[in-house]
Amino acid sequence: MGKHADRNAPTRRDLISYGGAVAGAGLIAGCLGGGSSDPGSDGSDGTDGSGGAESEGSDGADGESAGSYSVEMAPVGEVALDAVPEDVMVYSLLYADMAVAFGHGDAVNSLGFDADAGGNTLDAYYAELDGVEFDREGIRQLNTGSGGGISVDRELLYELDSDLHLADPCLFVSFDGWSQDDVAEIRDRVAPWFGNVYSRRNSEPPEPCRDGYEYYTLWEIAERVAGVFREESAYEALATVHDDLLETVQADLPPAEERPTVGTLIYMDGTYYPSRSDRPGFANAHVRPFDVTDAFGAADVTYETAYDHEQLLEVDPDVILHQYGVESYYDVAGIREELADHPVAGELSAIENDRFYPSGNPVQGPIMNLFQIEMTAKQLFPERFGEWPAYDLGDGYPEIPAEERLFDRDRVAEIVAGDAE
């Protein structure tokens, strides 16, 4: 008989279960007005937020557990675990990157979209780190929708039989064909949920999740995911690399009046889709540290905003950063050539001055964030941080001379390999 033949039977996951107040909270704490991940901090101002895992009977060694432990994050609240998850469903790329960063990339069994689309981006960065990789063999694609729609078959989650769903349950509530009861059923019959994705732009989650939802920085989420894998020391070591990188770039920024205006966008079929880079959320974690003027800051930009060539020329950013530009969905070098040949777009300052760049993936995890901060530093301030090399799709992350690298690749590789000391 199949595992889910009787969905009223108790889950076999006796070692991984919801704990404490969450167990009786209906769907998910915070989503139906239950608890919160940290009553003392809203998680949006860069403060610590007390995200570490608590344990009972643990020997304190990362990646090992001699007893139960708990992790906590909105919207699910507290999740009690008795074993480090070895088989993990992942929807968003940032959680795949986090799993790799903390030495558990082989636990990932799925991604929301084509594994090659996101995996190629990870490969571009990981190729710069000795011994770090994301093996995509056997990775299942969760979304089977077409025409821009999102469709995830609930039966697939039963088939994957994961130890943990490293995804925001509120995201699944928003999918066609999914209800609060469906999310609760997967929690109870397969495994818990643990994820927060609306912190990407601090956007409003689906209505059932709005009471008690909290927003976190990228590194606050990473701290909590490190707790899932009992890799707190790896988080601390990687966060130190990140802090040192921020100190390096921010110590050498020019005065505010000498910084360029920056437009972040996507170009497709003759239309520009702008995005605000001065708003909170981890989507902008690679641009925000430079405190540049957002060229679209005076506009009412939403997900539905679209510009033609003439409208963008009116804004005319000094620098244009094209999202998803590194081994991802867009051939930015080809786009740049197309625009240079256009009678209107060719007049853009960013085109005329060769400052139209491939930018990072906004659904970024911690390793991605390190490379994307370095990338952005060189694109915005080449005279201070070194020129950004010419880039063509398929070239991977460009070769950066050792003396112009802004963070230590070897140290990051050591951390991923388990040497966090």
Protein backbone atom coordinates (compact mmCIF):
# COMPACT_ATOMS: atom_id res chain seq x y z
CA MET A 1 0.00 0.00 0.00
CA GLY A 2 1.30 3.48 -0.86
CA LYS A 3 2.43 5.80 1.87
CA HIS A 4 -0.47 8.20 1.38
CA ALA A 5 -3.19 5.61 0.82
CA ASP A 6 -4.63 6.54 4.21
CA ARG A 7 -3.96 10.23 4.80
CA ASN A 8 -5.73 10.15 8.14
CA ALA A 9 -3.06 7.84 9.48
CA PRO A 10 -0.19 9.39 11.47
CA THR A 11 2.87 10.42 9.52
CA ARG A 12 5.82 8.08 9.71
CA ARG A 13 8.09 11.06 10.39
CA ASP A 14 8.24 10.54 14.13
CA LEU A 15 11.72 12.02 14.29
CA ILE A 16 10.81 15.31 12.61
CA SER A 17 7.71 17.02 13.88
CA TYR A 18 6.21 20.33 14.79
CA GLY A 19 6.90 21.23 18.38
CA GLY A 20 5.37 23.10 21.27
CA ALA A 21 2.66 25.63 20.56
CA VAL A 22 2.86 25.13 16.82
CA ALA A 23 1.56 21.58 16.96
CA GLY A 24 -1.96 22.69 17.75
CA ALA A 25 -1.98 25.92 15.82
CA GLY A 26 -4.07 24.72 12.88
CA LEU A 27 -2.12 25.61 9.71
CA ILE A 28 1.02 27.52 10.55
CA ALA A 29 1.84 29.93 13.31
CA GLY A 30 1.65 33.48 11.99
CA CYS A 31 -0.44 32.42 9.01
CA LEU A 32 -3.59 32.04 11.08
CA GLY A 33 -2.57 34.47 13.77
CA GLY A 34 -0.40 32.05 15.75
CA GLY A 35 3.02 32.72 17.23
CA SER A 36 5.95 34.56 15.70
CA SER A 37 9.55 33.72 15.10
CA ASP A 38 10.92 36.42 17.37
CA PRO A 39 8.65 38.73 19.32
CA GLY A 40 11.56 41.01 20.13
CA SER A 41 12.56 41.96 16.60
CA ASP A 42 10.79 42.57 13.32
CA GLY A 43 13.80 41.09 11.52
CA SER A 44 13.91 43.88 8.96
CA ASP A 45 16.57 46.20 10.36
CA GLY A 46 19.59 43.92 10.23
CA THR A 47 19.53 43.08 13.94
CA ASP A 48 20.31 39.58 15.12
CA GLY A 49 16.75 38.47 15.83
CA SER A 50 17.92 35.46 17.90
CA GLY A 51 17.78 32.99 15.06
CA GLY A 52 20.00 30.25 16.45
CA ALA A 53 18.70 26.75 17.11
CA GLU A 54 18.05 25.61 20.66
CA SER A 55 18.74 22.04 21.60
CA GLU A 56 18.27 19.54 24.38
CA GLY A 57 20.88 16.87 24.89
CA SER A 58 23.08 18.14 22.05
CA ASP A 59 26.81 17.62 22.25
CA GLY A 60 27.27 21.03 20.61
CA ALA A 61 29.02 19.71 17.52
CA ASP A 62 27.84 21.17 14.24
CA GLY A 63 26.00 18.68 12.08
CA GLU A 64 25.53 16.26 14.99
CA SER A 65 22.63 15.80 17.35
CA ALA A 66 22.32 13.73 20.49
CA GLY A 67 18.79 14.93 21.12
CA SER A 68 15.98 17.12 19.91
CA TYR A 69 16.48 20.70 18.86
CA SER A 70 14.27 23.44 17.50
CA VAL A 71 14.45 26.11 14.85
CA GLU A 72 12.20 29.10 14.48
CA MET A 73 11.15 31.47 11.74
CA ALA A 74 7.98 33.18 10.60
CA PRO A 75 5.56 32.19 9.21
CA VAL A 76 5.82 28.67 10.66
CA GLY A 77 6.99 29.59 14.14
CA GLU A 78 8.88 26.89 16.01
CA VAL A 79 9.73 23.53 14.47
CA ALA A 80 11.13 20.75 16.66
CA LEU A 81 13.57 18.32 15.05
CA ASP A 82 15.15 15.14 16.35
CA ALA A 83 17.45 14.59 13.37
CA VAL A 84 19.18 16.69 10.75
CA PRO A 85 17.07 16.46 7.55
CA GLU A 86 18.74 14.37 4.88
CA ASP A 87 16.13 14.72 2.12
CA VAL A 88 14.84 18.25 1.62
CA MET A 89 12.30 19.75 -0.78
CA VAL A 90 13.41 23.18 -2.03
CA TYR A 91 11.37 25.58 -4.15
CA SER A 92 13.43 28.78 -4.33
CA LEU A 93 17.04 29.03 -5.40
CA LEU A 94 18.14 30.87 -2.26
CA TYR A 95 17.44 27.78 -0.16
CA ALA A 96 19.42 25.55 -2.51
CA ASP A 97 22.34 27.94 -2.15
CA MET A 98 21.94 27.89 1.63
CA ALA A 99 21.95 24.10 1.72
CA VAL A 100 25.18 24.07 -0.29
CA ALA A 101 26.70 26.84 1.84
CA PHE A 102 26.18 24.79 4.98
CA GLY A 103 27.50 21.58 3.48
CA HIS A 104 24.16 19.87 2.80
CA GLY A 105 23.61 20.47 -0.90
CA ASP A 106 23.18 16.74 -1.44
CA ALA A 107 20.02 16.85 0.68
CA VAL A 108 18.15 18.91 -1.94
CA ASN A 109 15.73 16.77 -3.95
CA SER A 110 13.84 19.42 -5.94
CA LEU A 111 13.61 22.99 -7.21
CA GLY A 112 10.62 25.04 -8.22
CA PHE A 113 11.68 25.41 -11.84
CA ASP A 114 14.07 23.76 -14.28
CA ALA A 115 17.10 22.74 -12.25
CA ASP A 116 19.42 23.69 -15.10
CA ALA A 117 18.10 27.26 -15.23
CA GLY A 118 18.98 27.99 -11.62
CA GLY A 119 21.71 25.40 -11.40
CA ASN A 120 23.69 27.04 -14.18
CA THR A 121 23.80 30.22 -12.13
CA LEU A 122 25.02 28.32 -9.09
CA ASP A 123 27.62 26.57 -11.25
CA ALA A 124 28.96 29.91 -12.44
CA TYR A 125 29.69 30.97 -8.88
CA TYR A 126 30.69 27.60 -7.47
CA ALA A 127 33.26 27.07 -10.23
CA GLU A 128 35.29 29.77 -8.47
CA LEU A 129 35.27 27.74 -5.21
CA ASP A 130 37.46 24.68 -5.07
CA GLY A 131 35.43 21.55 -4.37
CA VAL A 132 32.05 23.30 -4.17
CA GLU A 133 29.29 22.10 -6.48
CA PHE A 134 25.56 21.48 -6.72
CA ASP A 135 24.79 18.07 -8.16
CA ARG A 136 21.54 18.43 -10.11
CA GLU A 137 21.21 14.81 -11.09
CA GLY A 138 17.84 13.53 -9.96
CA ILE A 139 16.55 16.97 -8.93
CA ARG A 140 12.81 17.12 -9.56
CA GLN A 141 11.04 20.15 -10.98
CA LEU A 142 8.09 21.15 -8.82
CA ASN A 143 6.36 23.63 -11.12
CA THR A 144 4.67 22.05 -14.11
CA GLY A 145 2.67 25.11 -15.13
CA SER A 146 2.84 26.79 -18.51
CA GLY A 147 2.30 30.26 -19.86
CA GLY A 148 3.55 31.90 -16.68
CA GLY A 149 1.22 29.95 -14.42
CA ILE A 150 2.47 27.99 -11.43
CA SER A 151 1.20 24.49 -10.84
CA VAL A 152 2.64 22.14 -8.23
CA ASP A 153 1.08 18.70 -7.91
CA ARG A 154 0.44 17.87 -4.27
CA GLU A 155 1.02 14.20 -5.11
CA LEU A 156 4.61 15.02 -6.05
CA LEU A 157 5.32 16.14 -2.50
CA TYR A 158 4.08 12.75 -1.27
CA GLU A 159 6.26 11.06 -3.85
CA LEU A 160 9.34 13.04 -2.81
CA ASP A 161 8.68 12.00 0.79
CA SER A 162 11.00 14.71 2.13
CA ASP A 163 12.25 15.08 5.67
CA LEU A 164 11.61 18.83 5.46
CA HIS A 165 9.98 21.26 3.03
CA LEU A 166 12.49 24.11 2.91
CA ALA A 167 9.94 26.49 1.44
CA ASP A 168 7.52 29.15 2.55
CA PRO A 169 4.11 27.52 3.08
CA CYS A 170 2.46 30.86 2.35
CA LEU A 171 3.92 30.71 -1.16
CA PHE A 172 2.16 27.39 -1.70
CA VAL A 173 -1.09 28.83 -0.34
CA SER A 174 -0.85 31.32 -3.23
CA PHE A 175 -0.59 28.61 -5.90
CA ASP A 176 -3.59 27.62 -7.98
CA GLY A 177 -5.27 24.53 -6.62
CA TRP A 178 -3.74 24.87 -3.14
CA SER A 179 -5.58 25.74 0.05
CA GLN A 180 -4.61 26.21 3.67
CA ASP A 181 -5.84 22.70 4.34
CA ASP A 182 -3.58 21.30 1.61
CA VAL A 183 -0.54 22.94 3.18
CA ALA A 184 -1.51 21.63 6.60
CA GLU A 185 -2.03 18.15 5.19
CA ILE A 186 1.46 18.08 3.70
CA ARG A 187 2.86 19.29 7.00
CA ASP A 188 1.07 16.60 8.98
CA ARG A 189 1.34 13.68 6.56
CA VAL A 190 4.78 14.23 5.05
CA ALA A 191 7.04 16.74 6.83
CA PRO A 192 7.16 20.28 8.25
CA TRP A 193 7.55 23.49 6.29
CA PHE A 194 10.36 25.93 7.02
CA GLY A 195 10.89 28.95 4.81
CA ASN A 196 10.23 32.62 4.30
CA VAL A 197 10.16 34.03 0.76
CA TYR A 198 8.10 37.21 0.95
CA SER A 199 11.12 38.85 2.55
CA ARG A 200 12.45 38.99 -1.02
CA ARG A 201 10.80 42.39 -1.41
CA ASN A 202 8.97 42.60 1.90
CA SER A 203 5.82 42.13 -0.13
CA GLU A 204 2.42 41.19 1.19
CA PRO A 205 1.82 37.44 1.54
CA PRO A 206 -1.55 35.81 0.79
CA GLU A 207 -4.37 37.02 3.02
CA PRO A 208 -4.39 34.01 5.39
CA CYS A 209 -0.72 34.67 6.21
CA ARG A 210 -0.75 38.40 6.79
CA ASP A 211 -1.35 38.34 10.53
CA GLY A 212 2.03 37.75 12.15
CA TYR A 213 4.16 37.48 9.01
CA GLU A 214 7.67 38.82 9.59
CA TYR A 215 10.39 40.02 7.25
CA TYR A 216 14.05 39.09 7.51
CA THR A 217 17.29 40.02 5.85
CA LEU A 218 19.02 37.39 3.71
CA TRP A 219 21.54 36.67 6.42
CA GLU A 220 18.89 36.37 9.13
CA ILE A 221 17.19 33.70 7.03
CA ALA A 222 20.55 32.02 6.46
CA GLU A 223 21.16 31.90 10.20
CA ARG A 224 17.90 30.08 10.75
CA VAL A 225 18.52 27.62 7.93
CA ALA A 226 21.97 26.91 9.34
CA GLY A 227 20.18 25.93 12.53
CA VAL A 228 18.15 23.37 10.59
CA PHE A 229 21.35 21.62 9.52
CA ARG A 230 23.13 22.14 12.88
CA GLU A 231 25.75 24.20 11.08
CA GLU A 232 25.76 27.30 13.26
CA SER A 233 29.56 27.61 13.14
CA ALA A 234 29.48 27.55 9.34
CA TYR A 235 26.94 30.36 9.38
CA GLU A 236 29.09 32.46 11.72
CA ALA A 237 32.18 31.91 9.58
CA LEU A 238 30.36 32.75 6.35
CA ALA A 239 28.74 35.80 7.93
CA THR A 240 32.20 37.01 8.92
CA VAL A 241 33.29 36.80 5.26
CA HIS A 242 30.20 38.80 4.33
CA ASP A 243 30.84 41.42 7.01
CA ASP A 244 34.44 41.80 5.89
CA LEU A 245 33.29 42.21 2.29
CA LEU A 246 30.83 44.93 3.26
CA GLU A 247 33.53 46.70 5.24
CA THR A 248 35.87 46.51 2.24
CA VAL A 249 33.44 48.07 -0.23
CA GLN A 250 31.83 50.59 2.07
CA ALA A 251 35.17 51.92 3.30
CA ASP A 252 36.13 52.91 -0.24
CA LEU A 253 32.92 54.38 -1.63
CA PRO A 254 33.09 57.85 -3.16
CA PRO A 255 30.99 60.68 -1.72
CA ALA A 256 27.26 60.26 -2.34
CA GLU A 257 27.17 63.06 -4.93
CA GLU A 258 29.77 61.22 -7.03
CA ARG A 259 27.91 57.93 -7.18
CA PRO A 260 25.99 57.00 -10.35
CA THR A 261 22.25 56.68 -10.71
CA VAL A 262 21.35 53.03 -11.15
CA GLY A 263 18.43 51.39 -12.93
CA THR A 264 17.72 47.71 -12.27
CA LEU A 265 15.54 46.02 -14.87
CA ILE A 266 14.77 43.17 -17.23
CA TYR A 267 14.55 43.68 -21.00
CA MET A 268 12.46 41.42 -23.18
CA ASP A 269 10.94 41.78 -26.65
CA GLY A 270 11.35 45.54 -26.90
CA THR A 271 10.05 46.25 -23.39
CA TYR A 272 11.84 47.15 -20.15
CA TYR A 273 10.53 45.91 -16.82
CA PRO A 274 12.02 48.12 -14.10
CA SER A 275 12.53 47.15 -10.49
CA ARG A 276 13.16 49.33 -7.47
CA SER A 277 16.57 48.67 -5.91
CA ASP A 278 16.16 51.07 -3.00
CA ARG A 279 13.41 49.04 -1.33
CA PRO A 280 13.97 46.59 1.53
CA GLY A 281 14.17 42.87 0.86
CA PHE A 282 16.87 40.34 0.06
CA ALA A 283 16.34 40.82 -3.70
CA ASN A 284 18.40 44.00 -3.34
CA ALA A 285 21.03 42.66 -0.93
CA HIS A 286 23.77 43.05 -3.56
CA VAL A 287 22.88 46.64 -4.52
CA ARG A 288 21.75 48.20 -1.25
CA PRO A 289 25.24 48.28 0.37
CA PHE A 290 26.38 50.89 -2.14
CA ASP A 291 23.73 53.47 -1.25
CA VAL A 292 23.33 54.67 -4.82
CA THR A 293 20.41 56.68 -6.19
CA ASP A 294 17.72 54.46 -7.67
CA ALA A 295 16.91 55.84 -11.11
CA PHE A 296 13.34 54.59 -10.68
CA GLY A 297 13.01 55.96 -7.15
CA ALA A 298 10.66 58.75 -8.17
CA ALA A 299 8.38 56.44 -10.15
CA ASP A 300 5.48 54.30 -9.03
CA VAL A 301 7.09 51.02 -10.05
CA THR A 302 5.19 47.77 -9.54
CA TYR A 303 5.45 44.29 -11.00
CA GLU A 304 3.18 45.47 -13.81
CA THR A 305 5.27 48.51 -14.77
CA ALA A 306 6.66 48.44 -18.31
CA TYR A 307 8.68 51.07 -20.20
CA ASP A 308 9.30 51.48 -23.89
CA HIS A 309 12.58 52.87 -25.24
CA GLU A 310 11.44 56.49 -25.08
CA GLN A 311 10.27 56.19 -21.48
CA LEU A 312 13.53 54.67 -20.33
CA LEU A 313 15.50 57.36 -22.16
CA GLU A 314 13.61 59.95 -20.14
CA VAL A 315 14.89 58.30 -16.96
CA ASP A 316 18.32 57.57 -18.48
CA PRO A 317 20.20 55.85 -15.63
CA ASP A 318 23.99 56.21 -15.55
CA VAL A 319 24.28 52.45 -15.00
CA ILE A 320 21.80 49.74 -15.95
CA LEU A 321 21.91 46.40 -14.14
CA HIS A 322 20.06 43.63 -15.97
CA GLN A 323 18.74 41.05 -13.52
CA TYR A 324 19.24 37.29 -14.02
CA GLY A 325 22.30 38.07 -16.12
CA VAL A 326 24.78 35.42 -14.94
CA GLU A 327 24.29 32.06 -16.64
CA SER A 328 20.57 32.43 -16.36
CA TYR A 329 17.65 33.45 -18.54
CA TYR A 330 19.01 36.41 -20.50
CA ASP A 331 21.86 36.95 -22.92
CA VAL A 332 22.85 40.37 -21.66
CA ALA A 333 25.69 40.76 -24.18
CA GLY A 334 23.21 40.12 -26.99
CA ILE A 335 20.70 42.53 -25.48
CA ARG A 336 23.37 45.21 -25.20
CA GLU A 337 24.20 44.82 -28.90
CA GLU A 338 20.52 45.02 -29.83
CA LEU A 339 20.03 48.20 -27.85
CA ALA A 340 23.19 49.79 -29.21
CA ASP A 341 21.78 49.36 -32.73
CA HIS A 342 18.39 50.86 -31.81
CA PRO A 343 17.87 54.53 -32.80
CA VAL A 344 16.43 55.44 -29.39
CA ALA A 345 17.95 52.92 -26.98
CA GLY A 346 21.36 53.60 -28.48
CA GLU A 347 21.17 57.07 -26.90
CA LEU A 348 20.94 55.70 -23.37
CA SER A 349 23.90 56.86 -21.29
CA ALA A 350 24.48 53.32 -20.04
CA ILE A 351 24.74 52.09 -23.64
CA GLU A 352 26.88 54.96 -24.91
CA ASN A 353 29.26 54.64 -21.95
CA ASP A 354 29.32 50.83 -21.96
CA ARG A 355 27.71 50.61 -18.52
CA PHE A 356 24.91 48.17 -19.29
CA TYR A 357 25.81 45.14 -17.17
CA PRO A 358 24.63 41.63 -16.38
CA SER A 359 23.50 41.66 -12.77
CA GLY A 360 22.71 39.01 -10.23
CA ASN A 361 19.78 36.81 -9.39
CA PRO A 362 17.50 38.51 -6.84
CA VAL A 363 16.54 35.11 -5.38
CA GLN A 364 20.00 34.89 -3.89
CA GLY A 365 21.47 32.80 -1.11
CA PRO A 366 24.59 33.65 0.90
CA ILE A 367 27.25 32.39 -1.52
CA MET A 368 25.48 34.05 -4.44
CA ASN A 369 25.31 37.25 -2.40
CA LEU A 370 29.08 37.36 -1.90
CA PHE A 371 29.77 37.12 -5.63
CA GLN A 372 26.97 39.52 -6.51
CA ILE A 373 28.25 42.18 -4.12
CA GLU A 374 31.71 41.86 -5.67
CA MET A 375 30.17 42.04 -9.14
CA THR A 376 28.14 45.14 -8.32
CA ALA A 377 31.13 46.90 -6.72
CA LYS A 378 33.12 46.52 -9.93
CA GLN A 379 30.22 47.56 -12.15
CA LEU A 380 29.39 50.69 -10.16
CA PHE A 381 32.89 51.77 -9.12
CA PRO A 382 35.51 50.26 -11.45
CA GLU A 383 38.03 52.95 -10.59
CA ARG A 384 37.98 51.79 -6.96
CA PHE A 385 37.38 48.05 -7.14
CA GLY A 386 38.71 47.08 -10.57
CA GLU A 387 37.01 46.79 -13.94
CA TRP A 388 34.22 44.29 -14.47
CA PRO A 389 35.48 42.00 -17.28
CA ALA A 390 33.58 41.62 -20.52
CA TYR A 391 30.93 38.95 -20.12
CA ASP A 392 29.18 36.70 -22.61
CA LEU A 393 26.55 34.11 -21.80
CA GLY A 394 28.24 30.76 -21.31
CA ASP A 395 31.47 32.20 -19.95
CA GLY A 396 30.63 31.58 -16.29
CA TYR A 397 31.64 34.12 -13.68
CA PRO A 398 34.43 36.19 -15.23
CA GLU A 399 37.99 35.59 -14.14
CA ILE A 400 38.92 38.23 -11.58
CA PRO A 401 42.65 38.82 -10.99
CA ALA A 402 43.63 37.57 -7.55
CA GLU A 403 44.65 41.04 -6.41
CA GLU A 404 41.24 42.46 -7.40
CA ARG A 405 39.08 39.87 -5.65
CA LEU A 406 37.04 41.37 -2.86
CA PHE A 407 36.60 38.26 -0.74
CA ASP A 408 38.62 35.11 -0.07
CA ARG A 409 37.39 32.26 -2.28
CA ASP A 410 39.54 29.70 -0.46
CA ARG A 411 38.02 30.63 2.87
CA VAL A 412 34.48 30.21 1.55
CA ALA A 413 35.39 26.81 0.08
CA GLU A 414 36.83 25.74 3.43
CA ILE A 415 33.64 26.74 5.24
CA VAL A 416 31.46 24.78 2.82
CA ALA A 417 33.76 21.78 3.25
CA GLY A 418 33.23 21.89 7.01
CA ASP A 419 36.24 23.85 8.23
CA ALA A 420 34.51 26.75 9.92
CA GLU A 421 37.17 27.30 12.58
